[in-house]
Amino acid sequence: MMTTGKKFVILLRRGMGLTIQDDGKEPPVVEDEKEWERIMRLAKEQAVPGILFRGMQEMPPECTAPRQIVMKAYMLSQNVQKNNRKVNEATVKLAAMIEQAGFPYCILKGQGNALLYPDPSARVSGDIDIWVAASPKSVVDFARKALPGAKACYHHVEYAKCDGVDVELHYRPAFLNNPIHNSRMQRWFLKEAAAQCKHGVELPNGAGTVNVPTDAFNRIFLMAHMMNHLIHDGLGMRQLMDYYFLLRRGFTPEEQLHDQQLLRDFGLYDMAGAVMFVLRRLFVLPKEQMIVPPDKKRGKFLFKEVVYGGNFGHYDPLARKARTRWAKNVLRLRRDLKMLTIFPSECLSEPLFRLWHYLWRLPYKKSK
């Protein structure tokens, strides 16, 4: 008997544009309104209601959801589309401000990733992450002119909201706990910065043009981003879906070999193998479009984490109870221990990174 979770995944596949021929699964028969409600809850937890609604539209008449469920899904989908228009406009406005200030920039994740989808308006948007290719001090000083006392950490600083949308200015696109791997990756980021800050694309509905990463950059950067979230809080289906659509755009054998070497250099090869396994299991990613061979052992672990924790781990019961700084630190240590045999390099380095990060932040706490 097909579980509710499997029915949910098949609906997502339809919403992503996959057909019965792609995954070999017939449209699921959802038993009743209560089961539809559980599917809707899963879509909320994984931040994919827009994709779910597209999947519901692909269902045959005999499998259609009750009217009240369809209307609820429709309203959620409309909210996603409305918010995407808002964030697109804010992204263009923010990019112009950063450019006018004389900084090279590149929009990370978010609205750039949405362009990978068949329907960009169906992807849930979040805040705006913008890579400002300049020194941390200059970016922090710039941010605090608009938002005095803005909190700065190793890879980004808070910035004033742009038309109601939260903004983070990144002077480093991502980071790793392991100091050797992180050092190599940061040097690579610096080498690639100029090309990323010149790669312009047009956002939907005539919103305007902004710079976003190239596919080659994203294949490495997004893997580092997923690793970071897995270690520190959790990883959801939306981030995996982003990577699925990125890989479906294709790459040459030469690019694959180059990417594999970078993933090894940055300690991300095992994570990439786990991601390939999950993408195959969730979204039937063709084997010829996998950047590395799938890793079954790590992939099974990652799959459970994704299903259990939801988007960024927000629905992990332990995470929801961790309200204080002390509780959150204890939770991180527990995550390190749980993943120690799966990703030892990042887990063993995480406590040391936290101590080093505390010292790194001291001068930025004092600057105005």
Protein backbone atom coordinates (compact mmCIF):
# COMPACT_ATOMS: atom_id res chain seq x y z
CA MET A 1 0.00 0.00 0.00
CA MET A 2 1.31 3.45 -0.93
CA THR A 3 2.01 5.72 2.05
CA THR A 4 0.91 9.36 2.28
CA GLY A 5 4.56 10.41 1.96
CA LYS A 6 4.96 8.53 -1.32
CA LYS A 7 1.76 10.04 -2.68
CA PHE A 8 3.08 13.47 -1.74
CA VAL A 9 6.36 12.85 -3.59
CA ILE A 10 4.56 11.63 -6.73
CA LEU A 11 2.42 14.78 -6.71
CA LEU A 12 5.61 16.86 -6.42
CA ARG A 13 7.09 15.02 -9.39
CA ARG A 14 4.03 15.91 -11.47
CA GLY A 15 4.34 19.52 -10.34
CA MET A 16 8.00 19.50 -11.39
CA GLY A 17 7.04 18.39 -14.89
CA LEU A 18 7.82 14.67 -14.61
CA THR A 19 5.45 12.25 -16.34
CA ILE A 20 4.37 8.67 -15.63
CA GLN A 21 7.04 7.59 -18.13
CA ASP A 22 9.68 9.47 -16.11
CA ASP A 23 9.02 7.77 -12.77
CA GLY A 24 6.87 4.74 -13.60
CA LYS A 25 4.25 5.66 -11.01
CA GLU A 26 0.54 6.08 -11.72
CA PRO A 27 -1.22 9.13 -10.24
CA PRO A 28 -1.80 8.39 -6.54
CA VAL A 29 -5.26 7.68 -5.16
CA VAL A 30 -5.64 9.83 -2.04
CA GLU A 31 -8.12 8.19 0.31
CA ASP A 32 -10.01 11.10 1.82
CA GLU A 33 -9.90 14.74 2.87
CA LYS A 34 -7.84 13.95 5.98
CA GLU A 35 -5.10 12.43 3.85
CA TRP A 36 -5.18 15.45 1.55
CA GLU A 37 -4.74 17.63 4.65
CA ARG A 38 -1.67 15.60 5.62
CA ILE A 39 -0.26 16.08 2.12
CA MET A 40 -0.90 19.82 2.39
CA ARG A 41 0.92 19.86 5.72
CA LEU A 42 3.92 18.09 4.18
CA ALA A 43 4.00 20.72 1.41
CA LYS A 44 4.08 23.46 4.02
CA GLU A 45 6.81 21.75 6.05
CA GLN A 46 8.99 21.29 2.96
CA ALA A 47 8.20 24.78 1.56
CA VAL A 48 6.83 23.46 -1.75
CA PRO A 49 3.08 24.39 -1.86
CA GLY A 50 3.39 25.98 -5.30
CA ILE A 51 4.88 22.80 -6.76
CA LEU A 52 2.24 20.68 -5.04
CA PHE A 53 -0.57 22.74 -6.57
CA ARG A 54 0.92 22.27 -10.04
CA GLY A 55 0.98 18.53 -9.34
CA MET A 56 -2.65 18.54 -8.23
CA GLN A 57 -3.59 20.17 -11.52
CA GLU A 58 -2.04 17.22 -13.37
CA MET A 59 -4.25 14.68 -11.60
CA PRO A 60 -6.94 12.88 -13.67
CA PRO A 61 -10.58 13.80 -12.86
CA GLU A 62 -11.18 10.63 -10.83
CA CYS A 63 -8.26 11.51 -8.53
CA THR A 64 -9.05 15.20 -8.04
CA ALA A 65 -8.93 16.56 -4.50
CA PRO A 66 -12.06 17.85 -2.72
CA ARG A 67 -13.01 21.40 -3.69
CA GLN A 68 -12.03 22.91 -0.33
CA ILE A 69 -8.58 21.33 -0.59
CA VAL A 70 -8.14 22.61 -4.15
CA MET A 71 -9.13 26.12 -3.08
CA LYS A 72 -6.72 26.04 -0.13
CA ALA A 73 -3.90 24.85 -2.40
CA TYR A 74 -4.82 27.49 -4.97
CA MET A 75 -4.67 30.28 -2.40
CA LEU A 76 -1.28 29.09 -1.14
CA SER A 77 -0.03 28.97 -4.72
CA GLN A 78 -1.30 32.49 -5.39
CA ASN A 79 0.49 33.74 -2.28
CA VAL A 80 3.72 32.14 -3.51
CA GLN A 81 3.34 33.85 -6.90
CA LYS A 82 2.52 37.20 -5.31
CA ASN A 83 5.53 37.01 -3.01
CA ASN A 84 7.79 36.07 -5.92
CA ARG A 85 6.76 39.22 -7.78
CA LYS A 86 7.47 41.27 -4.66
CA VAL A 87 10.89 39.68 -4.09
CA ASN A 88 11.82 39.97 -7.79
CA GLU A 89 11.15 43.71 -7.72
CA ALA A 90 13.00 44.14 -4.41
CA THR A 91 15.96 42.14 -5.75
CA VAL A 92 16.30 44.39 -8.79
CA LYS A 93 16.02 47.49 -6.60
CA LEU A 94 18.62 46.22 -4.12
CA ALA A 95 21.02 45.20 -6.89
CA ALA A 96 20.84 48.70 -8.36
CA MET A 97 21.61 50.22 -4.93
CA ILE A 98 24.63 47.96 -4.43
CA GLU A 99 25.87 48.66 -7.94
CA GLN A 100 25.42 52.41 -7.44
CA ALA A 101 27.54 52.15 -4.27
CA GLY A 102 30.36 50.82 -6.43
CA PHE A 103 30.32 47.17 -5.36
CA PRO A 104 30.35 44.18 -7.73
CA TYR A 105 27.49 41.86 -6.76
CA CYS A 106 25.77 38.57 -7.46
CA ILE A 107 22.38 37.33 -6.22
CA LEU A 108 22.78 33.97 -4.48
CA LYS A 109 20.13 31.21 -4.41
CA GLY A 110 16.61 32.65 -4.24
CA GLN A 111 15.34 34.31 -7.37
CA GLY A 112 18.26 33.03 -9.40
CA ASN A 113 17.44 29.42 -8.46
CA ALA A 114 13.79 30.03 -9.32
CA LEU A 115 14.81 30.57 -12.95
CA LEU A 116 15.86 26.91 -13.08
CA TYR A 117 12.23 25.81 -12.62
CA PRO A 118 9.65 25.24 -15.40
CA ASP A 119 7.53 27.84 -13.59
CA PRO A 120 9.74 30.23 -11.56
CA SER A 121 6.69 31.66 -9.80
CA ALA A 122 5.94 28.29 -8.17
CA ARG A 123 9.11 28.23 -6.07
CA VAL A 124 8.74 29.61 -2.53
CA SER A 125 10.95 32.67 -2.19
CA GLY A 126 12.72 33.73 0.99
CA ASP A 127 14.99 36.62 1.84
CA ILE A 128 17.53 38.16 -0.54
CA ASP A 129 21.10 36.88 -0.28
CA ILE A 130 23.46 39.07 -2.26
CA TRP A 131 27.17 38.43 -2.63
CA VAL A 132 29.01 41.75 -2.44
CA ALA A 133 32.48 41.00 -3.78
CA ALA A 134 34.45 43.19 -1.38
CA SER A 135 36.28 42.91 1.95
CA PRO A 136 34.24 42.01 5.04
CA LYS A 137 35.08 45.34 6.71
CA SER A 138 33.93 47.44 3.78
CA VAL A 139 30.68 45.47 3.48
CA VAL A 140 29.96 45.61 7.22
CA ASP A 141 30.67 49.37 7.28
CA PHE A 142 28.34 49.84 4.31
CA ALA A 143 25.59 47.77 5.93
CA ARG A 144 25.77 49.67 9.22
CA LYS A 145 25.23 52.99 7.48
CA ALA A 146 21.74 51.75 6.62
CA LEU A 147 21.24 49.54 9.68
CA PRO A 148 23.33 50.64 12.69
CA GLY A 149 24.36 47.71 14.85
CA ALA A 150 23.69 45.19 12.09
CA LYS A 151 24.80 41.73 13.21
CA ALA A 152 27.82 40.39 11.32
CA CYS A 153 29.09 36.83 11.14
CA TYR A 154 31.82 35.07 9.17
CA HIS A 155 30.06 35.05 5.80
CA HIS A 156 27.39 37.77 5.90
CA VAL A 157 25.98 40.83 7.62
CA GLU A 158 22.39 41.89 8.09
CA TYR A 159 21.12 44.76 5.98
CA ALA A 160 18.08 47.02 6.03
CA LYS A 161 14.94 45.46 4.58
CA CYS A 162 14.25 46.28 0.94
CA ASP A 163 10.54 46.93 0.39
CA GLY A 164 9.75 44.65 3.31
CA VAL A 165 12.05 41.81 2.24
CA ASP A 166 14.85 40.65 4.56
CA VAL A 167 18.36 41.10 3.14
CA GLU A 168 21.76 39.58 3.90
CA LEU A 169 24.94 40.96 2.37
CA HIS A 170 27.47 38.17 1.84
CA TYR A 171 31.19 38.84 1.60
CA ARG A 172 31.63 35.07 1.40
CA PRO A 173 29.01 33.01 -0.46
CA ALA A 174 29.29 30.06 1.95
CA PHE A 175 31.69 28.44 4.40
CA LEU A 176 32.78 25.05 5.71
CA ASN A 177 33.79 24.10 9.25
CA ASN A 178 36.96 22.30 8.23
CA PRO A 179 39.67 25.01 8.03
CA ILE A 180 41.64 23.38 5.19
CA HIS A 181 38.59 22.74 3.03
CA ASN A 182 37.20 26.17 3.81
CA SER A 183 40.46 27.91 2.92
CA ARG A 184 40.57 26.16 -0.44
CA MET A 185 36.94 27.02 -1.14
CA GLN A 186 37.33 30.69 -0.18
CA ARG A 187 40.28 31.01 -2.58
CA TRP A 188 38.13 29.48 -5.29
CA PHE A 189 35.30 31.92 -4.55
CA LEU A 190 37.70 34.85 -4.95
CA LYS A 191 38.95 33.44 -8.24
CA GLU A 192 35.38 33.05 -9.56
CA ALA A 193 33.95 36.31 -8.23
CA ALA A 194 34.46 38.47 -11.33
CA ALA A 195 32.68 36.01 -13.64
CA GLN A 196 29.69 35.64 -11.29
CA CYS A 197 29.30 39.40 -10.92
CA LYS A 198 28.98 39.78 -14.70
CA HIS A 199 26.50 36.98 -15.38
CA GLY A 200 23.29 38.93 -15.95
CA VAL A 201 19.83 37.35 -16.36
CA GLU A 202 16.32 38.72 -16.80
CA LEU A 203 13.87 38.08 -13.96
CA PRO A 204 10.26 37.17 -14.84
CA ASN A 205 7.48 39.60 -15.74
CA GLY A 206 9.89 42.33 -16.82
CA ALA A 207 11.14 42.90 -13.26
CA GLY A 208 14.63 43.70 -14.53
CA THR A 209 18.11 42.27 -14.96
CA VAL A 210 20.38 41.08 -12.14
CA ASN A 211 23.61 39.10 -11.83
CA VAL A 212 23.30 35.46 -10.71
CA PRO A 213 25.85 32.62 -10.52
CA THR A 214 26.68 30.48 -13.52
CA ASP A 215 25.61 26.83 -13.50
CA ALA A 216 29.25 25.76 -13.05
CA PHE A 217 29.60 27.92 -9.93
CA ASN A 218 26.24 26.81 -8.54
CA ARG A 219 27.09 23.12 -8.80
CA ILE A 220 29.79 23.70 -6.17
CA PHE A 221 28.35 26.59 -4.18
CA LEU A 222 24.91 25.04 -3.67
CA MET A 223 26.51 21.78 -2.53
CA ALA A 224 28.50 23.71 0.10
CA HIS A 225 25.32 25.54 1.08
CA MET A 226 23.46 22.25 1.55
CA MET A 227 26.31 20.77 3.57
CA ASN A 228 26.35 23.79 5.85
CA HIS A 229 22.62 23.65 6.50
CA LEU A 230 22.67 19.89 7.06
CA ILE A 231 25.37 20.21 9.73
CA HIS A 232 23.98 23.29 11.47
CA ASP A 233 20.19 23.02 11.31
CA GLY A 234 18.69 20.83 8.60
CA LEU A 235 17.98 20.43 4.91
CA GLY A 236 14.63 20.33 3.11
CA MET A 237 13.22 19.25 -0.23
CA ARG A 238 13.22 22.76 -1.66
CA GLN A 239 17.03 22.96 -1.60
CA LEU A 240 17.29 19.48 -3.13
CA MET A 241 14.76 20.44 -5.78
CA ASP A 242 16.91 23.46 -6.68
CA TYR A 243 19.88 21.16 -7.21
CA TYR A 244 17.79 18.71 -9.24
CA PHE A 245 16.78 21.39 -11.72
CA LEU A 246 20.36 22.66 -11.85
CA LEU A 247 21.69 19.22 -12.83
CA ARG A 248 18.93 18.73 -15.40
CA ARG A 249 20.41 21.66 -17.32
CA GLY A 250 23.35 19.37 -18.08
CA PHE A 251 27.13 19.50 -18.06
CA THR A 252 29.95 18.17 -20.22
CA PRO A 253 32.17 15.21 -19.25
CA GLU A 254 35.04 17.68 -18.83
CA GLU A 255 32.96 19.84 -16.51
CA GLN A 256 31.98 16.76 -14.51
CA LEU A 257 35.60 15.76 -13.95
CA HIS A 258 36.47 19.32 -12.97
CA ASP A 259 33.54 19.49 -10.53
CA GLN A 260 34.45 16.15 -8.99
CA GLN A 261 37.97 17.38 -8.30
CA LEU A 262 36.67 20.57 -6.69
CA LEU A 263 34.24 18.57 -4.56
CA ARG A 264 37.13 16.41 -3.37
CA ASP A 265 39.32 19.46 -2.67
CA PHE A 266 36.56 21.04 -0.58
CA GLY A 267 35.58 17.85 1.28
CA LEU A 268 32.15 17.80 -0.39
CA TYR A 269 32.43 14.62 -2.45
CA ASP A 270 30.67 12.40 0.11
CA MET A 271 27.89 14.96 0.53
CA ALA A 272 27.48 15.06 -3.26
CA GLY A 273 27.12 11.27 -3.35
CA ALA A 274 24.42 11.42 -0.67
CA VAL A 275 22.58 14.16 -2.56
CA MET A 276 22.66 12.12 -5.78
CA PHE A 277 21.10 9.15 -3.97
CA VAL A 278 18.30 11.32 -2.56
CA LEU A 279 17.65 13.09 -5.87
CA ARG A 280 17.31 9.68 -7.53
CA ARG A 281 14.96 8.43 -4.81
CA LEU A 282 12.82 11.55 -4.59
CA PHE A 283 12.81 12.94 -8.12
CA VAL A 284 14.13 10.09 -10.32
CA LEU A 285 17.23 12.01 -11.40
CA PRO A 286 18.70 10.14 -14.43
CA LYS A 287 22.02 8.49 -13.59
CA GLU A 288 23.72 10.14 -16.56
CA GLN A 289 22.94 13.54 -15.01
CA MET A 290 24.51 12.75 -11.64
CA ILE A 291 27.65 14.77 -10.97
CA VAL A 292 29.12 11.90 -8.86
CA PRO A 293 28.01 8.28 -8.25
CA PRO A 294 25.26 7.94 -5.62
CA ASP A 295 26.30 7.03 -2.08
CA LYS A 296 23.67 4.67 -0.66
CA LYS A 297 24.83 4.70 2.97
CA ARG A 298 25.06 8.47 3.32
CA GLY A 299 22.07 8.95 1.04
CA LYS A 300 19.77 6.94 3.29
CA PHE A 301 20.88 9.02 6.25
CA LEU A 302 20.31 12.28 4.34
CA PHE A 303 16.90 11.12 3.14
CA LYS A 304 15.74 10.53 6.72
CA GLU A 305 17.03 13.95 7.77
CA VAL A 306 15.16 15.67 4.94
CA VAL A 307 11.89 13.85 5.61
CA TYR A 308 12.12 14.26 9.39
CA GLY A 309 13.19 17.88 9.75
CA GLY A 310 11.45 19.68 6.89
CA ASN A 311 12.62 22.97 5.43
CA PHE A 312 15.93 23.94 7.13
CA GLY A 313 15.06 21.55 9.96
CA HIS A 314 12.34 23.87 11.27
CA TYR A 315 9.97 20.95 11.96
CA ASP A 316 12.45 18.85 13.90
CA PRO A 317 10.79 18.55 17.36
CA LEU A 318 14.13 19.07 19.12
CA ALA A 319 14.85 22.21 17.09
CA ARG A 320 11.43 23.66 17.92
CA LYS A 321 12.13 23.22 21.64
CA ALA A 322 15.59 24.86 21.46
CA ARG A 323 14.71 28.48 22.25
CA THR A 324 17.75 29.72 24.15
CA ARG A 325 21.31 30.13 22.89
CA TRP A 326 22.48 27.42 25.28
CA ALA A 327 19.81 24.98 24.06
CA LYS A 328 20.71 25.68 20.43
CA ASN A 329 24.40 25.05 21.12
CA VAL A 330 23.59 21.76 22.83
CA LEU A 331 21.41 20.80 19.85
CA ARG A 332 24.29 21.52 17.47
CA LEU A 333 26.60 19.27 19.48
CA ARG A 334 23.98 16.54 19.35
CA ARG A 335 23.78 16.93 15.58
CA ASP A 336 27.57 16.70 15.35
CA LEU A 337 27.56 13.44 17.29
CA LYS A 338 24.71 12.02 15.22
CA MET A 339 26.51 12.73 11.93
CA LEU A 340 30.05 12.06 13.14
CA THR A 341 30.46 8.80 11.23
CA ILE A 342 28.67 10.16 8.14
CA PHE A 343 30.50 13.47 7.64
CA PRO A 344 33.38 13.33 10.17
CA SER A 345 35.42 16.21 8.74
CA GLU A 346 32.69 18.83 9.18
CA CYS A 347 31.37 17.45 12.47
CA LEU A 348 34.75 17.24 14.19
CA SER A 349 35.64 20.74 13.03
CA GLU A 350 32.32 22.36 14.01
CA PRO A 351 33.08 23.00 17.74
CA LEU A 352 36.49 24.43 16.84
CA PHE A 353 34.94 26.63 14.16
CA ARG A 354 32.44 28.00 16.66
CA LEU A 355 35.24 29.01 19.04
CA TRP A 356 37.25 30.57 16.22
CA HIS A 357 34.12 32.31 14.92
CA TYR A 358 33.47 33.86 18.32
CA LEU A 359 36.95 35.40 18.27
CA TRP A 360 36.54 36.49 14.64
CA ARG A 361 33.36 38.40 15.47
CA LEU A 362 34.79 40.41 18.36
CA PRO A 363 36.18 43.34 16.31
CA TYR A 364 32.98 43.47 14.26
CA LYS A 365 30.89 43.74 17.39
CA LYS A 366 32.83 46.87 18.32
CA SER A 367 32.79 48.56 14.92
CA LYS A 368 30.13 51.12 14.18
